């Protein structure tokens, strides 16, 4: 057995995931297991699906996993296997989760009142200025641009404002930050959450020949009622004004969503224009905006002279009923 096979051989259902994703076997893995498996391996959903679209054999896929994300973290693998067996988490994980539970709150009473009323909250200073700057530098590198040359901001990209880059120590800072974990734990009511391995975003100003490509207001989840509770999050890497392509959402929409859906009759809710109800959310570099997945949300057209630079950061509970439909 080669190195890749030896290092990944103990990870349960990886071969099954590969077989199903390459249409060599019928789909039977739950969406939540597939998501946890990729997060355990440190892989993004999009990059993995694109790679598997090339139909690699299993040994080639294993080699790609290691080359892309490195050797799997032993503690995460052990936690994944314990979850599959409906067993308590391993000791190291249990201790880490207990520390998060015992840590001082990072969202105060006003934050939580806003969360209940409006469905979103801002964790100020989720990253330090230096940590945010390191992520910003990484994003400039990935888009092939420089801050002082606006002509370099518009290189053709196949994914609009989304930057399909997932693995870097600078990105892991937010993914492993205890304050970030604590914020999600307060909103979910538990620290027993998994962190996503998600992408970055670069939203340059509109100009002649370039208009905002979206995504406009939308949901990333099935609208079948009841929509399960889940969160989404975006981390600003630079100070971001309201007119700078900031996140937009419809505050408080979760309170009236079911009645709104019923009133639509046979109309497609995804085609109804509710843009007039949306607000944009300015925040500082290193601030993390978290919102409920049942809020319509999206980026906004950038009318400023600077790009919006961001990284998607989110946590979720390892239960099928709490799991959103992932991009």
Protein backbone atom coordinates (compact mmCIF):
# COMPACT_ATOMS: atom_id res chain seq x y z
CA UNK A 1 0.00 0.00 0.00
CA UNK A 2 1.39 3.43 -0.93
CA UNK A 3 1.62 6.39 1.44
CA UNK A 4 -1.77 7.82 0.51
CA UNK A 5 -3.53 4.52 0.94
CA UNK A 6 -1.89 3.88 4.30
CA UNK A 7 -2.72 7.32 5.73
CA UNK A 8 -6.35 7.28 4.59
CA UNK A 9 -7.17 3.58 4.88
CA UNK A 10 -8.63 3.87 8.39
CA UNK A 11 -11.11 6.65 7.51
CA UNK A 12 -14.47 4.96 7.30
CA UNK A 13 -16.62 5.38 4.21
CA UNK A 14 -14.06 7.43 2.28
CA UNK A 15 -14.03 4.77 -0.41
CA UNK A 16 -17.82 4.74 -0.41
CA UNK A 17 -17.95 8.53 -0.73
CA UNK A 18 -15.57 8.37 -3.71
CA UNK A 19 -17.60 5.61 -5.37
CA UNK A 20 -20.87 7.47 -4.98
CA UNK A 21 -19.46 10.86 -6.04
CA UNK A 22 -18.00 9.32 -9.21
CA UNK A 23 -21.22 7.41 -9.98
CA UNK A 24 -19.61 4.03 -9.44
CA UNK A 25 -22.17 3.24 -6.75
CA UNK A 26 -25.70 4.43 -5.89
CA UNK A 27 -25.91 7.23 -3.35
CA UNK A 28 -26.51 6.04 0.20
CA UNK A 29 -24.37 8.28 2.42
CA UNK A 30 -26.35 11.01 4.14
CA UNK A 31 -25.56 14.58 3.18
CA UNK A 32 -24.46 15.31 6.74
CA UNK A 33 -22.00 12.41 6.78
CA UNK A 34 -20.53 13.48 3.46
CA UNK A 35 -20.12 17.03 4.76
CA UNK A 36 -18.50 15.95 8.02
CA UNK A 37 -16.18 13.63 6.13
CA UNK A 38 -14.92 16.47 3.92
CA UNK A 39 -14.51 18.79 6.90
CA UNK A 40 -12.56 16.08 8.73
CA UNK A 41 -10.25 15.80 5.73
CA UNK A 42 -9.94 19.60 5.42
CA UNK A 43 -11.51 19.71 1.96
CA UNK A 44 -13.94 22.18 0.46
CA UNK A 45 -17.17 20.91 -1.05
CA UNK A 46 -16.68 22.70 -4.36
CA UNK A 47 -13.05 21.76 -4.92
CA UNK A 48 -13.79 18.11 -4.15
CA UNK A 49 -16.81 17.88 -6.43
CA UNK A 50 -14.88 19.54 -9.27
CA UNK A 51 -11.98 17.14 -8.86
CA UNK A 52 -14.18 14.07 -8.67
CA UNK A 53 -15.91 15.21 -11.83
CA UNK A 54 -12.77 14.06 -13.62
CA UNK A 55 -13.56 10.49 -12.53
CA UNK A 56 -10.22 9.61 -10.87
CA UNK A 57 -9.63 6.09 -9.65
CA UNK A 58 -9.58 5.61 -5.89
CA UNK A 59 -5.79 5.58 -5.47
CA UNK A 60 -5.51 8.81 -7.47
CA UNK A 61 -8.23 10.41 -5.36
CA UNK A 62 -6.44 9.42 -2.16
CA UNK A 63 -3.21 10.95 -3.42
CA UNK A 64 -5.08 14.15 -4.31
CA UNK A 65 -6.60 14.36 -0.83
CA UNK A 66 -3.18 14.26 0.80
CA UNK A 67 -1.61 16.64 -1.71
CA UNK A 68 -4.46 19.12 -1.26
CA UNK A 69 -5.14 19.06 2.48
CA UNK A 70 -2.25 17.11 4.00
CA UNK A 71 -2.52 14.16 6.39
CA UNK A 72 -5.85 14.03 8.25
CA UNK A 73 -5.96 15.26 11.83
CA UNK A 74 -6.09 12.21 14.08
CA UNK A 75 -8.39 13.82 16.66
CA UNK A 76 -10.92 14.87 14.02
CA UNK A 77 -10.88 11.39 12.49
CA UNK A 78 -11.45 9.82 15.91
CA UNK A 79 -14.32 12.23 16.58
CA UNK A 80 -15.87 11.39 13.20
CA UNK A 81 -15.72 7.66 13.91
CA UNK A 82 -17.24 8.19 17.36
CA UNK A 83 -20.07 10.17 15.76
CA UNK A 84 -20.70 7.36 13.27
CA UNK A 85 -20.92 4.90 16.18
CA UNK A 86 -23.20 7.24 18.18
CA UNK A 87 -20.53 7.13 20.88
CA UNK A 88 -19.21 9.92 23.13
CA UNK A 89 -16.51 12.07 21.54
CA UNK A 90 -12.91 11.14 22.25
CA UNK A 91 -11.30 12.54 25.39
CA UNK A 92 -9.34 15.30 23.65
CA UNK A 93 -12.45 16.52 21.83
CA UNK A 94 -14.58 16.35 24.97
CA UNK A 95 -12.04 18.45 26.87
CA UNK A 96 -11.91 21.05 24.08
CA UNK A 97 -15.70 21.30 23.91
CA UNK A 98 -15.88 21.62 27.69
CA UNK A 99 -13.42 24.52 27.59
CA UNK A 100 -15.58 26.29 25.02
CA UNK A 101 -18.72 25.71 27.11
CA UNK A 102 -16.99 27.11 30.22
CA UNK A 103 -15.43 30.13 28.49
CA UNK A 104 -16.90 33.60 29.08
CA UNK A 105 -19.62 34.62 26.67
CA UNK A 106 -18.48 36.60 23.65
CA UNK A 107 -22.00 37.72 22.67
CA UNK A 108 -23.67 39.89 25.29
CA UNK A 109 -27.35 40.34 26.13
CA UNK A 110 -27.79 43.06 23.49
CA UNK A 111 -26.20 40.82 20.85
CA UNK A 112 -28.53 37.96 21.73
CA UNK A 113 -31.56 40.25 21.76
CA UNK A 114 -30.61 41.41 18.26
CA UNK A 115 -30.19 37.79 17.20
CA UNK A 116 -33.68 36.95 18.39
CA UNK A 117 -35.24 40.04 16.82
CA UNK A 118 -33.32 40.39 13.57
CA UNK A 119 -31.71 37.00 12.99
CA UNK A 120 -28.12 38.20 12.69
CA UNK A 121 -25.30 39.29 14.98
CA UNK A 122 -21.74 40.60 14.60
CA UNK A 123 -18.86 39.09 16.58
CA UNK A 124 -16.50 42.05 16.79
CA UNK A 125 -12.81 41.26 16.54
CA UNK A 126 -13.18 37.60 15.67
CA UNK A 127 -9.70 37.99 14.20
CA UNK A 128 -7.02 40.44 15.27
CA UNK A 129 -5.96 43.13 12.75
CA UNK A 130 -2.80 41.18 11.94
CA UNK A 131 -4.72 37.93 11.46
CA UNK A 132 -7.22 39.63 9.16
CA UNK A 133 -4.35 41.23 7.24
CA UNK A 134 -2.76 37.80 6.69
CA UNK A 135 -6.02 36.50 5.19
CA UNK A 136 -6.34 39.64 3.07
CA UNK A 137 -2.82 39.11 1.68
CA UNK A 138 -3.69 35.51 0.86
CA UNK A 139 -6.81 36.60 -1.00
CA UNK A 140 -4.91 39.19 -3.04
CA UNK A 141 -2.50 36.42 -3.99
CA UNK A 142 -5.31 34.12 -5.05
CA UNK A 143 -7.02 36.69 -7.28
CA UNK A 144 -3.74 37.85 -8.77
CA UNK A 145 -4.36 41.46 -7.79
CA UNK A 146 -2.70 44.23 -5.81
CA UNK A 147 -4.38 46.84 -3.61
CA UNK A 148 -2.90 49.82 -5.47
CA UNK A 149 -3.74 48.67 -9.02
CA UNK A 150 -7.50 48.61 -9.67
CA UNK A 151 -6.95 47.22 -13.15
CA UNK A 152 -5.69 44.01 -11.51
CA UNK A 153 -9.00 43.46 -9.70
CA UNK A 154 -10.92 42.31 -12.76
CA UNK A 155 -9.08 39.24 -14.03
CA UNK A 156 -11.60 36.77 -15.48
CA UNK A 157 -12.92 34.33 -12.86
CA UNK A 158 -15.26 31.44 -13.47
CA UNK A 159 -16.99 31.61 -10.08
CA UNK A 160 -18.02 35.24 -9.92
CA UNK A 161 -17.11 36.75 -6.56
CA UNK A 162 -16.36 33.33 -5.05
CA UNK A 163 -12.70 32.35 -4.74
CA UNK A 164 -12.35 28.59 -4.55
CA UNK A 165 -9.44 28.45 -2.14
CA UNK A 166 -9.71 26.50 1.08
CA UNK A 167 -6.42 25.33 2.62
CA UNK A 168 -4.00 27.73 4.29
CA UNK A 169 -2.79 28.36 7.85
CA UNK A 170 -4.13 31.93 7.68
CA UNK A 171 -7.64 30.56 7.11
CA UNK A 172 -7.28 28.00 9.87
CA UNK A 173 -6.90 30.80 12.44
CA UNK A 174 -10.61 31.65 12.33
CA UNK A 175 -11.60 28.00 12.00
CA UNK A 176 -9.82 27.14 15.25
CA UNK A 177 -10.40 30.37 17.20
CA UNK A 178 -12.03 29.67 20.60
CA UNK A 179 -13.96 33.00 20.48
CA UNK A 180 -15.46 32.07 17.12
CA UNK A 181 -16.44 28.65 18.46
CA UNK A 182 -17.94 30.26 21.56
CA UNK A 183 -20.08 32.62 19.49
CA UNK A 184 -21.57 29.75 17.52
CA UNK A 185 -21.97 27.72 20.71
CA UNK A 186 -24.04 30.52 22.25
CA UNK A 187 -26.31 30.66 19.22
CA UNK A 188 -26.70 26.90 18.87
CA UNK A 189 -26.94 26.21 22.60
CA UNK A 190 -24.09 23.69 22.42
CA UNK A 191 -20.36 23.59 21.71
CA UNK A 192 -20.74 20.21 19.98
CA UNK A 193 -20.36 21.72 16.53
CA UNK A 194 -18.28 21.10 13.43
CA UNK A 195 -16.41 23.83 11.56
CA UNK A 196 -16.82 24.07 7.80
CA UNK A 197 -13.90 24.26 5.39
CA UNK A 198 -15.18 27.05 3.20
CA UNK A 199 -14.02 29.44 0.51
CA UNK A 200 -13.15 33.13 0.18
CA UNK A 201 -14.83 36.01 -1.63
CA UNK A 202 -13.64 39.01 -3.66
CA UNK A 203 -16.29 41.53 -4.70
CA UNK A 204 -14.71 44.41 -6.70
CA UNK A 205 -16.41 47.74 -7.42
CA UNK A 206 -18.74 47.98 -10.36
CA UNK A 207 -17.33 49.91 -13.33
CA UNK A 208 -18.03 50.26 -17.07
CA UNK A 209 -17.84 46.73 -18.46
CA UNK A 210 -18.22 45.06 -15.06
CA UNK A 211 -21.46 44.70 -13.13
CA UNK A 212 -22.07 42.78 -9.94
CA UNK A 213 -22.65 39.11 -10.88
CA UNK A 214 -24.42 38.10 -7.67
CA UNK A 215 -25.33 36.19 -5.67
CA UNK A 216 -28.31 38.42 -5.00
CA UNK A 217 -30.80 37.69 -2.24
CA UNK A 218 -31.31 33.95 -1.95
CA UNK A 219 -31.49 31.00 0.43
CA UNK A 220 -29.00 28.12 0.55
CA UNK A 221 -31.56 25.74 1.99
CA UNK A 222 -34.73 23.97 0.97
CA UNK A 223 -37.76 26.15 1.69
CA UNK A 224 -39.90 23.18 2.72
CA UNK A 225 -41.39 23.98 6.11
CA UNK A 226 -40.28 23.87 8.82
CA UNK A 227 -36.79 25.08 7.93
CA UNK A 228 -34.41 23.66 10.55
CA UNK A 229 -32.28 26.03 12.57
CA UNK A 230 -28.77 26.57 11.23
CA UNK A 231 -26.32 29.40 10.87
CA UNK A 232 -24.18 30.95 8.17
CA UNK A 233 -21.27 33.33 8.54
CA UNK A 234 -18.95 35.70 6.71
CA UNK A 235 -15.71 37.18 8.03
CA UNK A 236 -14.67 40.57 6.66
CA UNK A 237 -10.95 40.83 5.98
CA UNK A 238 -10.93 44.62 5.52
CA UNK A 239 -13.07 47.44 6.88
CA UNK A 240 -16.25 47.17 4.82
CA UNK A 241 -18.73 49.99 4.31
CA UNK A 242 -22.40 49.45 3.54
CA UNK A 243 -21.84 50.46 -0.11
CA UNK A 244 -18.75 48.25 -0.50
CA UNK A 245 -20.44 45.07 -1.67
CA UNK A 246 -21.32 44.20 1.92
CA UNK A 247 -23.52 41.32 2.97
CA UNK A 248 -27.20 42.14 2.59
CA UNK A 249 -30.09 40.37 4.26
CA UNK A 250 -33.71 40.88 5.25
CA UNK A 251 -33.66 41.36 9.02
CA UNK A 252 -36.28 39.60 11.09
CA UNK A 253 -37.61 37.65 8.12
CA UNK A 254 -37.58 34.41 10.09
CA UNK A 255 -40.48 35.65 12.21
CA UNK A 256 -42.84 35.96 9.26
CA UNK A 257 -41.38 33.44 6.83
CA UNK A 258 -44.11 30.75 7.15
CA UNK A 259 -46.96 33.25 6.76
CA UNK A 260 -45.15 34.90 3.84
CA UNK A 261 -44.80 31.55 2.10
CA UNK A 262 -48.45 30.68 2.63
CA UNK A 263 -49.54 34.03 1.18
CA UNK A 264 -47.58 33.39 -2.04
CA UNK A 265 -49.83 30.55 -3.12
CA UNK A 266 -48.29 28.85 -6.15
CA UNK A 267 -45.69 31.57 -6.79
CA UNK A 268 -42.03 30.54 -6.63
CA UNK A 269 -40.65 32.22 -3.49
CA UNK A 270 -37.17 32.32 -4.98
CA UNK A 271 -38.44 34.56 -7.78
CA UNK A 272 -40.24 37.07 -5.55
CA UNK A 273 -38.39 40.40 -5.35
CA UNK A 274 -37.92 41.39 -1.70
CA UNK A 275 -34.83 43.50 -2.29
CA UNK A 276 -36.51 46.65 -0.99
CA UNK A 277 -36.62 45.04 2.47
CA UNK A 278 -32.90 44.20 2.56
CA UNK A 279 -30.25 46.06 4.52
CA UNK A 280 -26.49 45.93 4.06
CA UNK A 281 -24.22 45.11 7.00
CA UNK A 282 -21.03 47.18 7.38
CA UNK A 283 -18.35 45.97 9.77
CA UNK A 284 -14.63 46.19 10.44
CA UNK A 285 -11.74 43.98 9.39
CA UNK A 286 -11.81 40.82 11.49
CA UNK A 287 -15.51 41.05 12.32
CA UNK A 288 -17.65 37.94 11.79
CA UNK A 289 -21.29 38.32 10.78
CA UNK A 290 -23.47 35.33 11.64
CA UNK A 291 -27.05 34.97 10.43
CA UNK A 292 -29.84 32.40 10.46
CA UNK A 293 -30.06 30.28 7.35
CA UNK A 294 -33.74 31.13 6.91
CA UNK A 295 -32.93 34.80 6.25
CA UNK A 296 -32.74 35.76 2.57
CA UNK A 297 -29.21 37.03 2.07
CA UNK A 298 -26.54 37.72 -0.52
CA UNK A 299 -23.71 40.03 -1.44
CA UNK A 300 -24.55 43.49 -2.78
CA UNK A 301 -23.30 45.60 -5.69
CA UNK A 302 -20.09 47.40 -4.78
CA UNK A 303 -20.44 51.16 -5.30
CA UNK A 304 -17.23 52.09 -3.50
CA UNK A 305 -13.64 52.35 -4.71
CA UNK A 306 -12.36 49.25 -2.82
CA UNK A 307 -13.20 45.55 -3.14
CA UNK A 308 -15.04 43.64 -0.47
CA UNK A 309 -12.74 40.86 0.78
CA UNK A 310 -14.13 38.08 2.91
CA UNK A 311 -13.89 34.48 4.09
CA UNK A 312 -16.90 32.27 4.82
CA UNK A 313 -16.81 30.81 8.33
CA UNK A 314 -19.56 28.65 9.80
CA UNK A 315 -20.26 25.84 12.25
CA UNK A 316 -23.05 23.27 12.32
CA UNK A 317 -24.49 20.58 14.51
CA UNK A 318 -23.80 16.95 13.50
CA UNK A 319 -27.45 16.00 13.07
CA UNK A 320 -29.32 15.49 9.84
CA UNK A 321 -32.31 17.58 10.96
CA UNK A 322 -30.08 20.57 11.67
CA UNK A 323 -28.08 20.33 8.47
CA UNK A 324 -28.67 22.87 5.70
CA UNK A 325 -28.45 22.25 1.99
CA UNK A 326 -24.83 23.04 1.24
CA UNK A 327 -23.56 24.84 -1.81
